[in-house]
Protein backbone atom coordinates (compact mmCIF):
# COMPACT_ATOMS: atom_id res chain seq x y z
CA UNK A 1 -12.41 -20.10 20.04
CA UNK A 2 -9.47 -18.11 17.61
CA UNK A 3 -9.35 -14.60 19.19
CA UNK A 4 -10.65 -11.82 16.35
CA UNK A 5 -8.23 -8.77 15.87
CA UNK A 6 -9.41 -5.52 17.22
CA UNK A 7 -12.34 -6.85 19.46
CA UNK A 8 -10.92 -5.39 22.31
CA UNK A 9 -10.30 -2.34 20.86
CA UNK A 10 -13.65 -2.23 19.71
CA UNK A 11 -15.19 -2.78 23.55
CA UNK A 12 -12.91 -0.32 24.41
CA UNK A 13 -13.24 2.73 22.08
CA UNK A 14 -16.46 1.82 20.16
CA UNK A 15 -16.41 0.22 16.69
CA UNK A 16 -16.10 3.55 14.54
CA UNK A 17 -12.71 4.29 16.71
CA UNK A 18 -11.40 0.87 16.18
CA UNK A 19 -11.71 1.39 12.36
CA UNK A 20 -11.14 5.39 11.88
CA UNK A 21 -7.90 4.74 10.00
CA UNK A 22 -8.95 1.71 7.72
CA UNK A 23 -12.63 3.90 6.91
CA UNK A 24 -10.62 6.95 5.86
CA UNK A 25 -7.81 4.79 3.51
CA UNK A 26 -11.06 3.37 2.21
CA UNK A 27 -13.00 6.71 1.59
CA UNK A 28 -9.47 7.65 -0.07
CA UNK A 29 -9.31 4.68 -2.47
CA UNK A 30 -13.09 4.74 -3.26
CA UNK A 31 -13.19 8.46 -4.25
CA UNK A 32 -10.11 8.34 -6.33
CA UNK A 33 -11.89 5.63 -7.99
CA UNK A 34 -14.77 7.21 -8.25
CA UNK A 35 -13.15 10.34 -10.27
CA UNK A 36 -11.41 7.92 -12.73
CA UNK A 37 -14.90 6.17 -13.44
CA UNK A 38 -17.03 9.63 -13.61
CA UNK A 39 -15.82 10.87 -16.78
CA UNK A 40 -17.00 7.38 -18.58
CA UNK A 41 -20.19 7.21 -16.62
CA UNK A 42 -20.96 10.73 -17.03
CA UNK A 43 -19.56 12.56 -19.60
CA UNK A 44 -17.98 15.00 -16.86
CA UNK A 45 -14.38 14.59 -17.39
CA UNK A 46 -12.50 15.43 -14.00
CA UNK A 47 -9.85 12.76 -14.75
CA UNK A 48 -8.98 11.07 -17.52
CA UNK A 49 -6.48 8.10 -17.99
CA UNK A 50 -5.26 5.18 -15.33
CA UNK A 51 -3.35 5.36 -12.25
CA UNK A 52 -0.29 4.59 -13.90
CA UNK A 53 -0.85 7.77 -15.88
CA UNK A 54 -3.62 10.54 -15.81
CA UNK A 55 -4.70 13.68 -16.71
CA UNK A 56 -6.50 16.16 -13.91
CA UNK A 57 -9.00 18.93 -15.57
CA UNK A 58 -6.63 18.89 -18.76
CA UNK A 59 -3.71 20.58 -17.34
CA UNK A 60 -2.46 18.46 -14.32
CA UNK A 61 -0.67 15.41 -15.41
CA UNK A 62 0.06 12.38 -12.71
CA UNK A 63 2.14 9.54 -13.83
CA UNK A 64 3.63 6.81 -12.49
CA UNK A 65 7.55 7.08 -11.94
CA UNK A 66 8.34 3.65 -12.48
CA UNK A 67 6.56 3.24 -15.49
CA UNK A 68 8.48 6.26 -16.70
CA UNK A 69 11.92 4.21 -15.28
CA UNK A 70 10.27 1.34 -17.60
CA UNK A 71 9.48 3.70 -20.58
CA UNK A 72 13.24 4.70 -20.63
CA UNK A 73 14.77 1.10 -20.34
CA UNK A 74 12.24 0.38 -23.60
CA UNK A 75 13.99 3.05 -25.60
CA UNK A 76 10.76 5.11 -25.04
CA UNK A 77 11.37 9.18 -24.67
CA UNK A 78 8.61 10.51 -23.00
CA UNK A 79 6.83 13.63 -23.42
CA UNK A 80 7.29 16.56 -21.22
CA UNK A 81 3.83 16.13 -19.86
CA UNK A 82 4.60 12.38 -18.55
CA UNK A 83 8.05 13.90 -17.53
CA UNK A 84 6.56 16.35 -15.13
CA UNK A 85 3.72 14.08 -14.36
CA UNK A 86 6.58 11.95 -12.62
CA UNK A 87 8.78 14.49 -10.79
CA UNK A 88 5.31 15.52 -9.03
CA UNK A 89 4.23 11.85 -8.25
CA UNK A 90 7.86 11.33 -6.76
CA UNK A 91 7.96 14.28 -5.24
CA UNK A 92 4.57 13.93 -3.24
CA UNK A 93 5.74 9.96 -2.01
CA UNK A 94 9.38 11.55 -0.97
CA UNK A 95 7.61 13.65 1.35
CA UNK A 96 4.54 11.50 2.64
CA UNK A 97 6.06 7.79 2.55
CA UNK A 98 6.33 6.08 -0.79
CA UNK A 99 4.44 2.92 0.44
CA UNK A 100 1.25 5.45 1.63
CA UNK A 101 0.36 4.67 -2.29
CA UNK A 102 -0.10 1.36 -1.42
CA UNK A 103 -2.43 1.82 2.00
CA UNK A 104 -4.39 5.04 0.33
CA UNK A 105 -4.58 4.87 -3.07
CA UNK A 106 -4.04 1.52 -4.88
CA UNK A 107 -7.31 -0.13 -5.42
CA UNK A 108 -5.93 -3.72 -5.11
CA UNK A 109 -5.20 -2.92 -1.52
CA UNK A 110 -9.02 -3.59 -1.09
CA UNK A 111 -9.06 -6.72 -2.36
CA UNK A 112 -5.61 -8.45 -0.37
CA UNK A 113 -7.42 -6.90 2.59
CA UNK A 114 -10.78 -8.64 1.71
CA UNK A 115 -8.33 -11.71 1.36
CA UNK A 116 -6.75 -11.06 4.83
CA UNK A 117 -10.10 -11.08 6.38
CA UNK A 118 -11.05 -14.29 4.76
CA UNK A 119 -7.88 -15.59 5.70
CA UNK A 120 -9.03 -14.54 9.51
CA UNK A 121 -12.32 -16.48 8.87
CA UNK A 122 -11.19 -19.23 7.68
CA UNK A 123 -7.48 -19.62 9.91
CA UNK A 124 -6.04 -21.13 6.90
CA UNK A 125 -2.25 -21.87 8.17
CA UNK A 126 0.83 -20.98 5.57
CA UNK A 127 3.91 -21.80 6.41
CA UNK A 128 5.55 -21.03 2.76
CA UNK A 129 7.92 -18.08 3.37
CA UNK A 130 9.31 -15.60 0.83
CA UNK A 131 12.67 -13.85 0.59
CA UNK A 132 12.36 -9.82 1.75
CA UNK A 133 14.43 -9.39 -1.80
CA UNK A 134 11.57 -11.18 -4.09
CA UNK A 135 9.95 -7.83 -4.53
CA UNK A 136 12.80 -5.99 -5.65
CA UNK A 137 14.48 -8.26 -8.04
CA UNK A 138 10.83 -8.65 -9.37
CA UNK A 139 11.11 -5.04 -9.85
CA UNK A 140 14.75 -5.27 -11.56
CA UNK A 141 13.56 -7.79 -13.35
CA UNK A 142 10.86 -6.18 -15.14
CA UNK A 143 12.78 -2.90 -16.30
CA UNK A 144 15.43 -5.71 -17.61
CA UNK A 145 12.81 -6.75 -19.23
CA UNK A 146 11.50 -3.58 -20.84
CA UNK A 147 15.18 -2.75 -21.88
CA UNK A 148 15.76 -6.42 -23.59
CA UNK A 149 12.13 -6.32 -25.44
CA UNK A 150 11.67 -2.69 -25.97
CA UNK A 151 7.98 -3.07 -24.65
CA UNK A 152 6.90 -2.51 -21.25
CA UNK A 153 5.66 -6.01 -20.20
CA UNK A 154 4.38 -5.03 -17.03
CA UNK A 155 1.61 -3.09 -18.02
CA UNK A 156 0.16 -6.69 -19.64
CA UNK A 157 0.05 -8.23 -15.99
CA UNK A 158 -0.24 -5.36 -13.73
CA UNK A 159 -3.24 -6.07 -11.21
CA UNK A 160 -3.98 -2.25 -10.98
CA UNK A 161 -4.24 -1.53 -14.67
CA UNK A 162 -6.10 -4.61 -15.45
CA UNK A 163 -8.27 -3.90 -12.59
CA UNK A 164 -8.74 -0.48 -13.21
CA UNK A 165 -9.59 -0.92 -16.73
CA UNK A 166 -11.84 -3.71 -16.16
CA UNK A 167 -13.79 -1.20 -13.99
CA UNK A 168 -14.04 0.72 -17.23
CA UNK A 169 -14.78 -2.08 -19.98
CA UNK A 170 -15.63 -4.86 -18.07
CA UNK A 171 -13.37 -7.62 -16.33
CA UNK A 172 -12.76 -10.11 -18.82
CA UNK A 173 -9.59 -11.75 -18.25
CA UNK A 174 -8.48 -9.27 -15.52
CA UNK A 175 -11.08 -11.91 -13.53
CA UNK A 176 -8.19 -14.20 -13.68
CA UNK A 177 -5.61 -11.53 -11.66
CA UNK A 178 -8.07 -10.45 -9.14
CA UNK A 179 -8.57 -14.02 -8.59
CA UNK A 180 -5.08 -14.92 -8.69
CA UNK A 181 -3.69 -12.26 -6.12
CA UNK A 182 -7.12 -13.91 -3.83
CA UNK A 183 -6.17 -17.15 -3.72
CA UNK A 184 -2.29 -16.28 -3.26
CA UNK A 185 -3.29 -13.98 -0.35
CA UNK A 186 -5.79 -16.80 1.46
CA UNK A 187 -3.99 -19.90 0.77
CA UNK A 188 -0.56 -19.30 -0.29
CA UNK A 189 1.49 -16.31 1.69
CA UNK A 190 0.21 -14.25 3.76
CA UNK A 191 -0.28 -10.67 1.74
CA UNK A 192 1.49 -12.63 -0.83
CA UNK A 193 0.87 -9.74 -3.64
CA UNK A 194 1.27 -6.74 -1.87
CA UNK A 195 3.50 -8.23 1.23
CA UNK A 196 6.08 -9.44 -1.20
CA UNK A 197 5.87 -9.57 -5.02
CA UNK A 198 4.35 -6.50 -5.92
CA UNK A 199 6.98 -4.34 -8.38
CA UNK A 200 5.33 -1.28 -7.88
CA UNK A 201 5.25 -1.41 -3.86
CA UNK A 202 8.70 -1.93 -3.72
CA UNK A 203 9.65 0.66 -6.21
CA UNK A 204 7.27 3.48 -4.03
CA UNK A 205 9.50 1.96 -0.89
CA UNK A 206 12.46 3.40 -2.45
CA UNK A 207 11.14 6.86 -2.66
CA UNK A 208 10.15 6.93 1.42
CA UNK A 209 13.28 6.88 3.09
CA UNK A 210 13.12 10.95 4.21
CA UNK A 211 9.39 10.73 4.43
CA UNK A 212 8.00 13.34 7.10
CA UNK A 213 4.54 11.11 8.40
CA UNK A 214 5.64 8.10 10.60
CA UNK A 215 3.87 5.85 12.64
CA UNK A 216 5.53 5.49 16.50
CA UNK A 217 4.95 3.30 19.25
CA UNK A 218 4.67 6.53 21.64
CA UNK A 219 3.27 4.58 24.50
CA UNK A 220 4.91 1.20 24.00
CA UNK A 221 5.14 0.44 27.66
CA UNK A 222 1.36 0.10 27.88
CA UNK A 223 1.64 -3.06 25.19
CA UNK A 224 0.10 -5.93 26.61
CA UNK A 225 1.47 -8.31 23.86
CA UNK A 226 -2.12 -8.95 22.58
CA UNK A 227 -0.09 -9.00 19.12
CA UNK A 228 -3.03 -7.46 17.42
CA UNK A 229 -0.91 -4.93 15.82
CA UNK A 230 1.37 -7.89 14.22
CA UNK A 231 -2.38 -9.74 13.30
CA UNK A 232 -3.40 -6.94 10.62
CA UNK A 233 -0.26 -5.00 9.86
CA UNK A 234 0.29 -5.97 5.55
CA UNK A 235 4.41 -5.52 7.22
CA UNK A 236 4.47 -6.93 10.64
CA UNK A 237 8.44 -7.34 10.71
CA UNK A 238 8.27 -3.45 10.86
CA UNK A 239 6.76 -2.94 14.07
CA UNK A 240 8.87 -4.85 16.96
CA UNK A 241 12.09 -2.38 16.02
CA UNK A 242 9.84 0.48 17.64
CA UNK A 243 7.51 -1.23 19.96
CA UNK A 244 10.14 -4.15 21.62
CA UNK A 245 13.17 -2.01 22.05
CA UNK A 246 13.72 -0.46 25.96
CA UNK A 247 15.96 2.46 24.21
CA UNK A 248 15.72 2.99 20.88
CA UNK A 249 13.47 5.00 18.68
CA UNK A 250 9.45 4.64 19.52
CA UNK A 251 9.21 5.45 15.12
CA UNK A 252 8.47 2.96 13.05
CA UNK A 253 11.20 4.13 10.31
CA UNK A 254 10.79 1.13 7.90
CA UNK A 255 10.57 2.27 4.38
CA UNK A 256 8.08 -0.83 4.15
CA UNK A 257 5.66 0.65 6.75
CA UNK A 258 2.22 1.62 4.67
CA UNK A 259 1.43 4.29 7.05
CA UNK A 260 -2.23 2.66 6.89
CA UNK A 261 -2.93 2.90 10.77
CA UNK A 262 -4.48 -0.85 11.16
CA UNK A 263 -2.12 -0.97 13.90
CA UNK A 264 -3.36 2.61 15.79
CA UNK A 265 -6.96 1.14 15.56
CA UNK A 266 -6.68 -1.70 16.67
CA UNK A 267 -4.94 -1.52 19.66
CA UNK A 268 -6.62 -1.29 22.89
CA UNK A 269 -4.32 0.26 24.68
CA UNK A 270 -3.84 3.29 22.03
CA UNK A 271 0.06 2.44 21.89
CA UNK A 272 0.72 3.82 18.47
CA UNK A 273 0.18 7.13 16.91
CA UNK A 274 0.46 9.07 14.16
CA UNK A 275 3.73 11.61 14.17
CA UNK A 276 6.44 12.31 12.36
CA UNK A 277 9.87 11.05 11.74
CA UNK A 278 11.59 14.55 13.75
CA UNK A 279 10.02 13.26 17.30
CA UNK A 280 12.60 12.36 19.63
CA UNK A 281 13.19 9.15 20.07
CA UNK A 282 12.51 8.10 23.41
CA UNK A 283 9.90 11.02 24.17
CA UNK A 284 6.68 9.59 25.14
CA UNK A 285 3.33 11.20 24.52
CA UNK A 286 1.01 10.45 27.82
């Protein structure tokens, strides 16, 4: 029988404790989506727009900085509110970790987490590998395409935008994108979209070099090599330097860690904790 990641943690900590960060992330993602749906559904417009560009309470702009970069490349000078919104968003993710967007905000993460669950139930084996630079090449290619065409082509195919519009106005062709992401993850490449292709995640990772919150393997001596953390992590390559080193930092310092906390949830030995980038490299939390 295939070992189910997190089963031992549930037995030792209880179901709620073994899903703490997962549940908090879902609450964050659904609450944010709810704010956008609230206006069209009830006429109470707390937030107008989409995750790419929005206005809260009519005075607080938020703009995806990657969208602003593409607008500039396409030859479109954004309005002052767009600049302000992009600066606010960039500053926040520079502090909390750029790819925290992927775990705590992006609605497509809900789909890819679901695809990961389906993959584990089916036991699908995928041998195809994708180069780590692919998402950054895609990121640069989209900026170049905007410069060459004068159009932000990304917004035509962006799964987040299509999913968001689908919730508000009906999915239509958005279902094709949703299905494509799910099929890619389940049958082709594990975490294929979020982990290997998404240019938004790639862009936000560039903002995360100096982020303060970090996951740390503070009790790595207690690790039993069950590998549950690797099984659930969307970027498993970021774990080993902190977990397996005998003298180096216990802090997961990679900008591709999405600070989702799933490694904390599923570890029955409580090896991982949220800390900060300023922790001493070898300091142990008892």
